Amino acid sequence: MSLRPPGAPRGAKFPIAHGAAACDIIAGPMSDIPNEITHDQYAVRLKKLQDLRAAGRDPFRATFAPTHFSAEALRRYVDGQDNAVTVKVAGRLLVMRDMGKSQFVKILDQQGLIQLYVKKDVVGDEAYAAFRKLDLGDIIGAEGTLFKTKTGEITVRVVRYVLLAKALRPLPEKWHGLTDPEQVYRQRYLDLIVNPESRARLLLRSRVVAHIRRFLEARQFIEVETPVLEATAGGAAAKPFVTHHNALGADFYLRIATELRLKRLLVGGVDRVFEIGRIFRNEGVSRKHNPEFTMLEVYQAYSDHRGMMELIKSLLESVCRDVLGTSEIKHAPSGQVINFGGAWREVEYKDLVRAATGDPGWFERAKAEHAAVADKMGLYVDPKWEDFEITNEIFAKKIEPTIRQRSTCSS
């Protein structure tokens, strides 16, 4: 997240990063050509699909009514009371251990993994024979009772199951996972299946956004939705995407900020307002810069920059405490642990610039002098820039990356 820069006391905006529990995944090898698989495994799975249809069985039965997600089902088990609780769960097969007349398998759903025990004597000969033909990646629904195995793992003793979707493409193998960055970013669904860290980030992001909403609503902020298509680009210094409206015969811009609409709501008497919405900026692409992202903008009337400082500080402390369960967060690039609790260091923007440039009289200098110093610092300065933009470039490239915790307080 990055807070709104100085100069706009009534509002604050910061992007909410994208993003996606732990599980043990065993899967077969994956084709080197994910979009046009010619691997033998694909042919085998396709034959199984054809056999199912020939036998009059629907290989893509979408209707099943689970009673619990995996974690919820596991919490229902009462120690020492095997087979006392009945649950219905559904998920993707990720682990299969064939023991002849029985199988231990694990399925993955929204909340994680849960183990199933499928026994021939219980489900019947025909159903068990069909179960043994299932593949890793298939999605099934299962009903049964909870019990604890000799190894202490809570498991569903399956009395009946149903194939909900046949997977034609094999998953990446367990030991290598999904490591190709191109495939990770282009096939997010596959990334979520095989990489627990990605699933954890997705779920965490959802919890953070939900908590932000609750926090602001508790302070009587009103959430609104403002137009994505704008007749005039405005609200921030960024290059917009241009699109054409066929019915109106006019060009429109995808919004680069929600600022102007939200400020108009303040004028209209909505004193506390926020929006969590998609923003589009037609600029560079990198791991840290996505031209399409989600931003929170929040405004409150009858307040100044200190009121906004208190709001954002309280918001971040609340997210750490109530969502993450700790005020100490590890800063990934540096490995430094930052403490969001307690007092925060407060420093003036101008003081940071003076210290970074080594010039106490920086703000009394001419544009040409600023450009010369920035050049010596190894920064590119566009001749068309305004003077303040040169200073902001120094702040963004040389100062902002260093603004982290100092001593026992954070900035």
Protein backbone atom coordinates (compact mmCIF):
# COMPACT_ATOMS: atom_id res chain seq x y z
CA MET A 1 0.00 0.00 0.00
CA SER A 2 1.13 3.58 -0.52
CA LEU A 3 -0.53 6.48 1.24
CA ARG A 4 -1.74 9.59 -0.54
CA PRO A 5 1.19 12.04 -0.95
CA PRO A 6 1.21 15.38 0.86
CA GLY A 7 -0.91 18.21 -0.39
CA ALA A 8 -4.45 16.81 -0.25
CA PRO A 9 -5.54 16.90 3.40
CA ARG A 10 -9.16 15.84 3.03
CA GLY A 11 -8.69 12.52 1.31
CA ALA A 12 -6.52 9.45 1.27
CA LYS A 13 -5.98 6.81 -1.36
CA PHE A 14 -3.86 3.73 -1.60
CA PRO A 15 -3.79 0.72 -3.89
CA ILE A 16 -4.73 -2.69 -2.56
CA ALA A 17 -2.29 -5.21 -3.98
CA HIS A 18 -3.52 -8.33 -5.73
CA GLY A 19 -3.19 -11.19 -4.74
CA ALA A 20 -4.04 -15.53 -3.25
CA ALA A 21 -3.87 -23.30 3.42
CA ALA A 22 -1.17 -25.31 3.36
CA CYS A 23 -1.55 -28.69 1.70
CA ASP A 24 0.37 -31.73 0.52
CA ILE A 25 -0.13 -32.23 -3.19
CA ILE A 26 0.63 -35.38 -5.14
CA ALA A 27 -0.06 -35.19 -8.85
CA GLY A 28 1.12 -36.62 -12.14
CA PRO A 29 3.38 -34.92 -14.69
CA MET A 30 2.05 -32.04 -16.74
CA SER A 31 2.31 -31.43 -20.47
CA ASP A 32 4.90 -29.01 -21.79
CA ILE A 33 2.18 -27.57 -24.03
CA PRO A 34 -0.58 -26.52 -21.61
CA ASN A 35 -2.87 -25.03 -24.25
CA GLU A 36 -2.68 -27.89 -26.77
CA ILE A 37 -1.95 -31.02 -24.76
CA THR A 38 -0.86 -34.06 -26.77
CA HIS A 39 0.41 -35.98 -23.74
CA ASP A 40 -0.58 -39.64 -23.34
CA GLN A 41 -2.31 -38.81 -20.05
CA TYR A 42 -4.68 -36.48 -21.87
CA ALA A 43 -5.63 -39.25 -24.28
CA VAL A 44 -6.26 -41.66 -21.42
CA ARG A 45 -8.46 -39.18 -19.60
CA LEU A 46 -10.36 -38.35 -22.77
CA LYS A 47 -11.09 -42.05 -23.25
CA LYS A 48 -12.43 -42.26 -19.70
CA LEU A 49 -14.69 -39.31 -20.46
CA GLN A 50 -16.03 -41.01 -23.54
CA ASP A 51 -16.62 -44.25 -21.61
CA LEU A 52 -18.60 -42.37 -18.95
CA ARG A 53 -20.85 -40.81 -21.57
CA ALA A 54 -21.28 -44.11 -23.38
CA ALA A 55 -22.42 -45.67 -20.09
CA GLY A 56 -25.01 -42.91 -19.67
CA ARG A 57 -23.18 -41.19 -16.81
CA ASP A 58 -22.84 -37.41 -16.70
CA PRO A 59 -19.12 -36.51 -16.28
CA PHE A 60 -19.93 -32.89 -15.51
CA ARG A 61 -22.68 -32.99 -12.89
CA ALA A 62 -22.70 -29.50 -11.44
CA THR A 63 -25.36 -30.06 -8.76
CA PHE A 64 -24.20 -31.11 -5.31
CA ALA A 65 -25.04 -29.54 -1.97
CA PRO A 66 -22.11 -29.67 0.48
CA THR A 67 -23.03 -29.15 4.11
CA HIS A 68 -19.56 -28.00 5.13
CA PHE A 69 -16.28 -26.74 3.77
CA SER A 70 -13.27 -28.83 4.76
CA ALA A 71 -12.18 -26.79 7.79
CA GLU A 72 -15.76 -26.54 9.04
CA ALA A 73 -16.18 -30.30 8.74
CA LEU A 74 -12.98 -30.97 10.65
CA ARG A 75 -14.16 -28.73 13.49
CA ARG A 76 -17.37 -30.75 13.79
CA TYR A 77 -15.51 -33.86 14.93
CA VAL A 78 -15.75 -34.59 18.66
CA ASP A 79 -12.73 -36.47 19.98
CA GLY A 80 -13.56 -40.09 20.77
CA GLN A 81 -16.89 -40.03 18.96
CA ASP A 82 -16.19 -41.71 15.63
CA ASN A 83 -18.98 -41.86 13.03
CA ALA A 84 -21.24 -39.62 15.10
CA VAL A 85 -21.29 -36.67 12.69
CA THR A 86 -22.37 -36.82 9.04
CA VAL A 87 -20.99 -34.32 6.53
CA LYS A 88 -21.15 -33.70 2.79
CA VAL A 89 -18.01 -32.19 1.26
CA ALA A 90 -16.81 -31.48 -2.28
CA GLY A 91 -13.47 -30.68 -3.85
CA ARG A 92 -10.69 -31.55 -6.27
CA LEU A 93 -8.77 -34.81 -5.85
CA LEU A 94 -5.15 -34.03 -5.04
CA VAL A 95 -3.94 -37.14 -3.18
CA MET A 96 -4.87 -40.79 -3.90
CA ARG A 97 -3.52 -43.84 -2.06
CA ASP A 98 -4.85 -47.12 -3.42
CA MET A 99 -4.83 -49.91 -0.81
CA GLY A 100 -6.64 -52.53 -2.86
CA LYS A 101 -10.11 -52.75 -1.38
CA SER A 102 -9.98 -49.27 0.08
CA GLN A 103 -8.50 -45.87 -0.72
CA PHE A 104 -7.43 -42.84 1.25
CA VAL A 105 -7.77 -39.69 -0.82
CA LYS A 106 -7.62 -35.98 -0.13
CA ILE A 107 -9.71 -33.29 -1.76
CA LEU A 108 -9.09 -29.56 -1.85
CA ASP A 109 -11.85 -27.00 -1.42
CA GLN A 110 -11.98 -23.29 -0.59
CA GLN A 111 -10.74 -23.81 2.97
CA GLY A 112 -8.08 -26.46 2.39
CA LEU A 113 -7.65 -30.24 2.38
CA ILE A 114 -9.77 -32.96 3.94
CA GLN A 115 -9.15 -36.72 3.82
CA LEU A 116 -11.71 -39.24 2.60
CA TYR A 117 -11.75 -42.99 3.22
CA VAL A 118 -13.46 -44.95 0.45
CA LYS A 119 -14.01 -48.66 1.11
CA LYS A 120 -15.34 -51.21 -1.36
CA ASP A 121 -17.57 -52.93 1.23
CA VAL A 122 -19.26 -49.61 2.04
CA VAL A 123 -19.82 -47.90 -1.32
CA GLY A 124 -20.41 -51.13 -3.28
CA ASP A 125 -18.50 -52.99 -5.96
CA GLU A 126 -19.66 -50.96 -8.95
CA ALA A 127 -19.15 -47.58 -7.30
CA TYR A 128 -15.74 -48.60 -5.99
CA ALA A 129 -14.61 -49.84 -9.40
CA ALA A 130 -15.64 -46.48 -10.87
CA PHE A 131 -13.85 -44.64 -8.08
CA ARG A 132 -10.58 -46.39 -8.87
CA LYS A 133 -10.80 -44.99 -12.40
CA LEU A 134 -10.82 -41.40 -11.14
CA ASP A 135 -7.77 -39.20 -11.75
CA LEU A 136 -5.97 -36.52 -9.82
CA GLY A 137 -7.69 -33.25 -10.60
CA ASP A 138 -11.19 -34.72 -10.82
CA ILE A 139 -13.80 -32.95 -8.70
CA ILE A 140 -16.05 -35.09 -6.53
CA GLY A 141 -18.71 -34.73 -3.88
CA ALA A 142 -18.80 -37.16 -0.96
CA GLU A 143 -21.07 -37.92 1.98
CA GLY A 144 -20.03 -39.79 5.09
CA THR A 145 -19.24 -39.74 8.80
CA LEU A 146 -16.23 -38.32 10.58
CA PHE A 147 -13.71 -40.55 12.32
CA LYS A 148 -10.07 -40.37 13.37
CA THR A 149 -7.49 -42.68 11.80
CA LYS A 150 -4.73 -44.51 13.67
CA THR A 151 -2.38 -41.69 12.72
CA GLY A 152 -4.73 -39.16 14.28
CA GLU A 153 -6.10 -37.57 11.08
CA ILE A 154 -9.79 -36.65 11.04
CA THR A 155 -11.31 -38.34 7.98
CA VAL A 156 -14.65 -38.76 6.22
CA ARG A 157 -15.76 -42.40 5.98
CA VAL A 158 -17.51 -42.18 2.60
CA VAL A 159 -20.87 -43.91 2.19
CA ARG A 160 -21.60 -42.42 -1.24
CA TYR A 161 -19.84 -40.14 -3.70
CA VAL A 162 -20.50 -38.50 -7.07
CA LEU A 163 -18.19 -37.35 -9.86
CA LEU A 164 -18.87 -33.66 -10.42
CA ALA A 165 -16.30 -32.81 -13.07
CA LYS A 166 -13.80 -34.90 -15.02
CA ALA A 167 -10.34 -33.29 -15.34
CA LEU A 168 -8.85 -33.88 -18.78
CA ARG A 169 -5.52 -32.19 -18.13
CA PRO A 170 -3.09 -33.52 -15.51
CA LEU A 171 -1.83 -31.29 -12.72
CA PRO A 172 1.83 -30.34 -12.27
CA GLU A 173 3.78 -32.98 -10.38
CA LYS A 174 4.15 -32.51 -6.63
CA TRP A 175 7.88 -32.03 -6.31
CA HIS A 176 8.23 -29.38 -9.01
CA GLY A 177 4.92 -27.61 -8.56
CA LEU A 178 4.05 -24.66 -10.79
CA THR A 179 7.26 -22.65 -11.01
CA ASP A 180 7.16 -21.12 -14.50
CA PRO A 181 6.37 -17.40 -13.83
CA GLU A 182 4.63 -17.02 -17.19
CA GLN A 183 2.30 -19.91 -16.42
CA VAL A 184 1.74 -18.75 -12.84
CA TYR A 185 0.48 -15.36 -14.00
CA ARG A 186 -1.48 -16.55 -17.04
CA GLN A 187 -3.10 -19.62 -15.44
CA ARG A 188 -4.05 -18.36 -12.00
CA TYR A 189 -6.53 -21.17 -11.51
CA LEU A 190 -3.71 -23.71 -11.83
CA ASP A 191 -1.52 -21.65 -9.52
CA LEU A 192 -4.28 -21.70 -6.89
CA ILE A 193 -4.65 -25.48 -7.14
CA VAL A 194 -1.01 -26.39 -6.68
CA ASN A 195 0.59 -23.49 -4.79
CA PRO A 196 -0.64 -23.15 -1.18
CA GLU A 197 1.03 -19.75 -0.81
CA SER A 198 -1.04 -18.33 -3.65
CA ARG A 199 -4.27 -19.64 -2.11
CA ALA A 200 -3.28 -18.13 1.24
CA ARG A 201 -2.65 -14.73 -0.37
CA LEU A 202 -6.00 -14.78 -2.15
CA LEU A 203 -7.92 -15.62 1.01
CA LEU A 204 -5.93 -13.09 3.05
CA ARG A 205 -6.59 -10.32 0.56
CA SER A 206 -10.32 -11.03 0.70
CA ARG A 207 -10.27 -10.84 4.50
CA VAL A 208 -8.30 -7.57 4.45
CA VAL A 209 -10.71 -5.90 2.01
CA ALA A 210 -13.74 -7.10 3.99
CA HIS A 211 -12.20 -5.77 7.21
CA ILE A 212 -11.48 -2.37 5.63
CA ARG A 213 -15.15 -2.11 4.71
CA ARG A 214 -16.28 -3.00 8.22
CA PHE A 215 -13.79 -0.57 9.77
CA LEU A 216 -14.97 2.37 7.66
CA GLU A 217 -18.65 1.51 8.01
CA ALA A 218 -18.22 1.43 11.79
CA ARG A 219 -17.02 5.04 11.52
CA GLN A 220 -20.14 5.89 9.47
CA PHE A 221 -18.43 6.13 6.11
CA ILE A 222 -20.68 5.43 3.12
CA GLU A 223 -19.45 3.11 0.37
CA VAL A 224 -20.35 4.18 -3.17
CA GLU A 225 -19.70 3.12 -6.76
CA THR A 226 -18.67 5.80 -9.23
CA PRO A 227 -18.48 5.57 -13.07
CA VAL A 228 -15.58 3.73 -14.67
CA LEU A 229 -16.09 5.48 -18.03
CA GLU A 230 -15.30 9.20 -17.94
CA ALA A 231 -15.93 11.82 -20.61
CA THR A 232 -12.86 13.71 -19.35
CA ALA A 233 -9.76 12.11 -17.86
CA GLY A 234 -8.99 13.57 -14.47
CA GLY A 235 -8.28 13.01 -10.80
CA ALA A 236 -4.58 12.14 -10.99
CA ALA A 237 -1.48 12.63 -13.10
CA ALA A 238 -1.60 9.43 -15.14
CA LYS A 239 -2.13 8.37 -18.75
CA PRO A 240 -5.62 6.91 -19.26
CA PHE A 241 -6.89 4.09 -21.43
CA VAL A 242 -9.16 5.32 -24.23
CA THR A 243 -12.23 3.40 -25.40
CA HIS A 244 -15.08 4.14 -27.77
CA HIS A 245 -18.77 4.21 -26.92
CA ASN A 246 -20.59 2.96 -30.03
CA ALA A 247 -24.11 4.13 -29.15
CA LEU A 248 -22.95 7.66 -28.31
CA GLY A 249 -20.28 7.79 -31.02
CA ALA A 250 -17.82 9.25 -28.54
CA ASP A 251 -14.50 8.37 -26.95
CA PHE A 252 -14.36 7.76 -23.22
CA TYR A 253 -11.55 7.24 -20.71
CA LEU A 254 -11.22 4.47 -18.16
CA ARG A 255 -10.88 6.21 -14.83
CA ILE A 256 -7.42 6.78 -13.37
CA ALA A 257 -8.85 7.71 -9.97
CA THR A 258 -12.18 8.05 -8.20
CA GLU A 259 -11.17 11.33 -6.59
CA LEU A 260 -13.31 13.86 -8.43
CA ARG A 261 -16.58 11.94 -8.09
CA LEU A 262 -16.01 11.33 -4.39
CA LYS A 263 -15.25 15.00 -3.75
CA ARG A 264 -18.48 15.93 -5.50
CA LEU A 265 -20.29 13.69 -3.04
CA LEU A 266 -18.74 15.72 -0.23
CA VAL A 267 -20.14 18.84 -1.89
CA GLY A 268 -23.50 17.09 -2.08
CA GLY A 269 -23.56 16.56 1.68
CA VAL A 270 -22.22 13.01 2.02
CA ASP A 271 -19.69 13.86 4.72
CA ARG A 272 -17.83 10.54 4.90
CA VAL A 273 -17.43 8.50 1.74
CA PHE A 274 -15.19 5.80 0.30
CA GLU A 275 -14.85 3.53 -2.70
CA ILE A 276 -12.91 0.34 -3.27
CA GLY A 277 -12.79 0.14 -7.04
CA ARG A 278 -10.84 -0.74 -10.17
CA ILE A 279 -8.44 1.87 -11.53
CA PHE A 280 -6.82 1.86 -14.98
CA ARG A 281 -3.54 3.59 -15.89
CA ASN A 282 -2.05 3.10 -19.35
CA GLU A 283 1.58 3.13 -18.28
CA GLY A 284 4.42 0.69 -17.68
CA VAL A 285 4.05 -2.92 -16.57
CA SER A 286 6.19 -4.62 -13.95
CA ARG A 287 5.84 -6.93 -10.97
CA LYS A 288 5.14 -3.82 -8.88
CA HIS A 289 3.00 -1.94 -11.37
CA ASN A 290 -0.16 -3.36 -12.90
CA PRO A 291 -2.05 -1.01 -15.24
CA GLU A 292 -5.29 -2.35 -13.75
CA PHE A 293 -5.53 -2.44 -9.96
CA THR A 294 -7.84 -1.93 -7.00
CA MET A 295 -7.64 1.28 -5.01
CA LEU A 296 -9.27 2.49 -1.82
CA GLU A 297 -10.07 6.19 -1.73
CA VAL A 298 -11.61 7.69 1.39
CA TYR A 299 -12.69 11.25 2.16
CA GLN A 300 -14.15 12.95 5.19
CA ALA A 301 -15.45 16.50 5.61
CA TYR A 302 -14.57 18.84 8.47
CA SER A 303 -11.09 17.36 8.87
CA ASP A 304 -7.52 18.16 7.89
CA HIS A 305 -4.44 16.07 7.18
CA ARG A 306 -4.13 15.09 10.84
CA GLY A 307 -7.61 13.64 10.85
CA MET A 308 -6.68 11.58 7.81
CA MET A 309 -3.41 10.51 9.44
CA GLU A 310 -5.32 9.22 12.45
CA LEU A 311 -7.81 7.40 10.23
CA ILE A 312 -5.16 5.58 8.16
CA LYS A 313 -3.03 4.76 11.19
CA SER A 314 -6.03 3.29 13.00
CA LEU A 315 -7.07 1.38 9.88
CA LEU A 316 -3.68 -0.27 9.41
CA GLU A 317 -3.38 -1.10 13.11
CA SER A 318 -6.86 -2.62 13.01
CA VAL A 319 -6.06 -4.77 9.95
CA CYS A 320 -2.87 -6.05 11.60
CA ARG A 321 -4.56 -6.77 14.91
CA ASP A 322 -7.88 -8.22 13.77
CA VAL A 323 -6.94 -9.92 10.48
CA LEU A 324 -3.31 -10.92 10.93
CA GLY A 325 -3.40 -11.29 14.69
CA THR A 326 -0.15 -9.40 15.22
CA SER A 327 1.17 -5.85 15.02
CA GLU A 328 4.57 -7.03 13.77
CA ILE A 329 4.77 -7.55 10.01
CA LYS A 330 7.81 -8.74 8.09
CA HIS A 331 8.80 -6.48 5.22
CA ALA A 332 9.51 -9.07 2.49
CA PRO A 333 12.21 -7.29 0.43
CA SER A 334 14.38 -6.33 3.42
CA GLY A 335 13.40 -9.01 5.91
CA GLN A 336 12.89 -6.28 8.50
CA VAL A 337 10.09 -6.68 11.04
CA ILE A 338 7.93 -3.55 11.26
CA ASN A 339 5.83 -2.87 14.32
CA PHE A 340 2.52 -1.18 13.49
CA GLY A 341 1.57 -0.87 17.16
CA GLY A 342 2.43 2.00 19.46
CA ALA A 343 3.60 5.46 18.40
CA TRP A 344 4.49 6.13 14.77
CA ARG A 345 7.38 8.34 13.74
CA GLU A 346 6.22 11.62 12.23
CA VAL A 347 8.43 13.56 9.83
CA GLU A 348 7.96 16.47 7.45
CA TYR A 349 8.11 15.85 3.71
CA LYS A 350 10.41 18.83 3.23
CA ASP A 351 12.79 17.63 5.95
CA LEU A 352 13.14 14.26 4.21
CA VAL A 353 13.97 15.98 0.91
CA ARG A 354 16.49 18.31 2.53
CA ALA A 355 18.20 15.37 4.22
CA ALA A 356 18.32 13.26 1.04
CA THR A 357 19.76 16.07 -1.09
CA GLY A 358 22.03 17.41 1.62
CA ASP A 359 20.72 20.89 0.89
CA PRO A 360 18.96 22.83 3.70
CA GLY A 361 17.92 25.46 1.14
CA TRP A 362 16.53 22.99 -1.41
CA PHE A 363 13.10 24.60 -1.66
CA GLU A 364 14.62 28.00 -2.38
CA ARG A 365 16.59 26.72 -5.40
CA ALA A 366 15.69 27.13 -9.06
CA LYS A 367 14.45 24.33 -11.30
CA ALA A 368 17.77 24.06 -13.13
CA GLU A 369 19.61 23.49 -9.84
CA HIS A 370 17.12 20.79 -8.84
CA ALA A 371 17.56 19.07 -12.21
CA ALA A 372 21.34 19.11 -11.85
CA VAL A 373 21.21 17.50 -8.41
CA ALA A 374 18.75 14.84 -9.57
CA ASP A 375 21.06 14.04 -12.48
CA LYS A 376 23.99 13.58 -10.11
CA MET A 377 21.79 11.21 -8.08
CA GLY A 378 21.36 9.07 -11.22
CA LEU A 379 17.75 10.04 -11.85
CA TYR A 380 16.19 10.83 -15.22
CA VAL A 381 14.62 14.28 -15.46
CA ASP A 382 12.25 15.04 -18.30
CA PRO A 383 12.80 18.64 -19.51
CA LYS A 384 9.02 19.06 -19.65
CA TRP A 385 8.60 18.38 -15.94
CA GLU A 386 7.50 21.06 -13.54
CA ASP A 387 9.87 21.92 -10.70
CA PHE A 388 7.81 20.05 -8.11
CA GLU A 389 7.93 16.92 -10.26
CA ILE A 390 11.72 16.82 -10.00
CA THR A 391 11.48 16.97 -6.22
CA ASN A 392 8.81 14.28 -6.25
CA GLU A 393 11.03 12.05 -8.42
CA ILE A 394 13.77 12.29 -5.79
CA PHE A 395 11.24 11.50 -3.09
CA ALA A 396 9.79 8.52 -4.99
CA LYS A 397 13.10 6.97 -6.05
CA LYS A 398 15.51 7.85 -3.24
CA ILE A 399 13.42 8.53 -0.14
CA GLU A 400 10.15 6.60 -0.20
CA PRO A 401 11.82 3.14 -0.43
CA THR A 402 13.68 3.91 2.80
CA ILE A 403 10.67 5.10 4.80
CA ARG A 404 10.28 2.14 7.06
CA GLN A 405 10.44 1.54 10.75
CA ARG A 406 13.02 3.43 12.74
CA SER A 407 13.87 2.27 16.25
CA THR A 408 10.55 1.33 17.90
CA CYS A 409 8.19 3.27 15.67
CA SER A 410 7.05 3.08 12.11
CA SER A 411 6.54 5.65 9.37
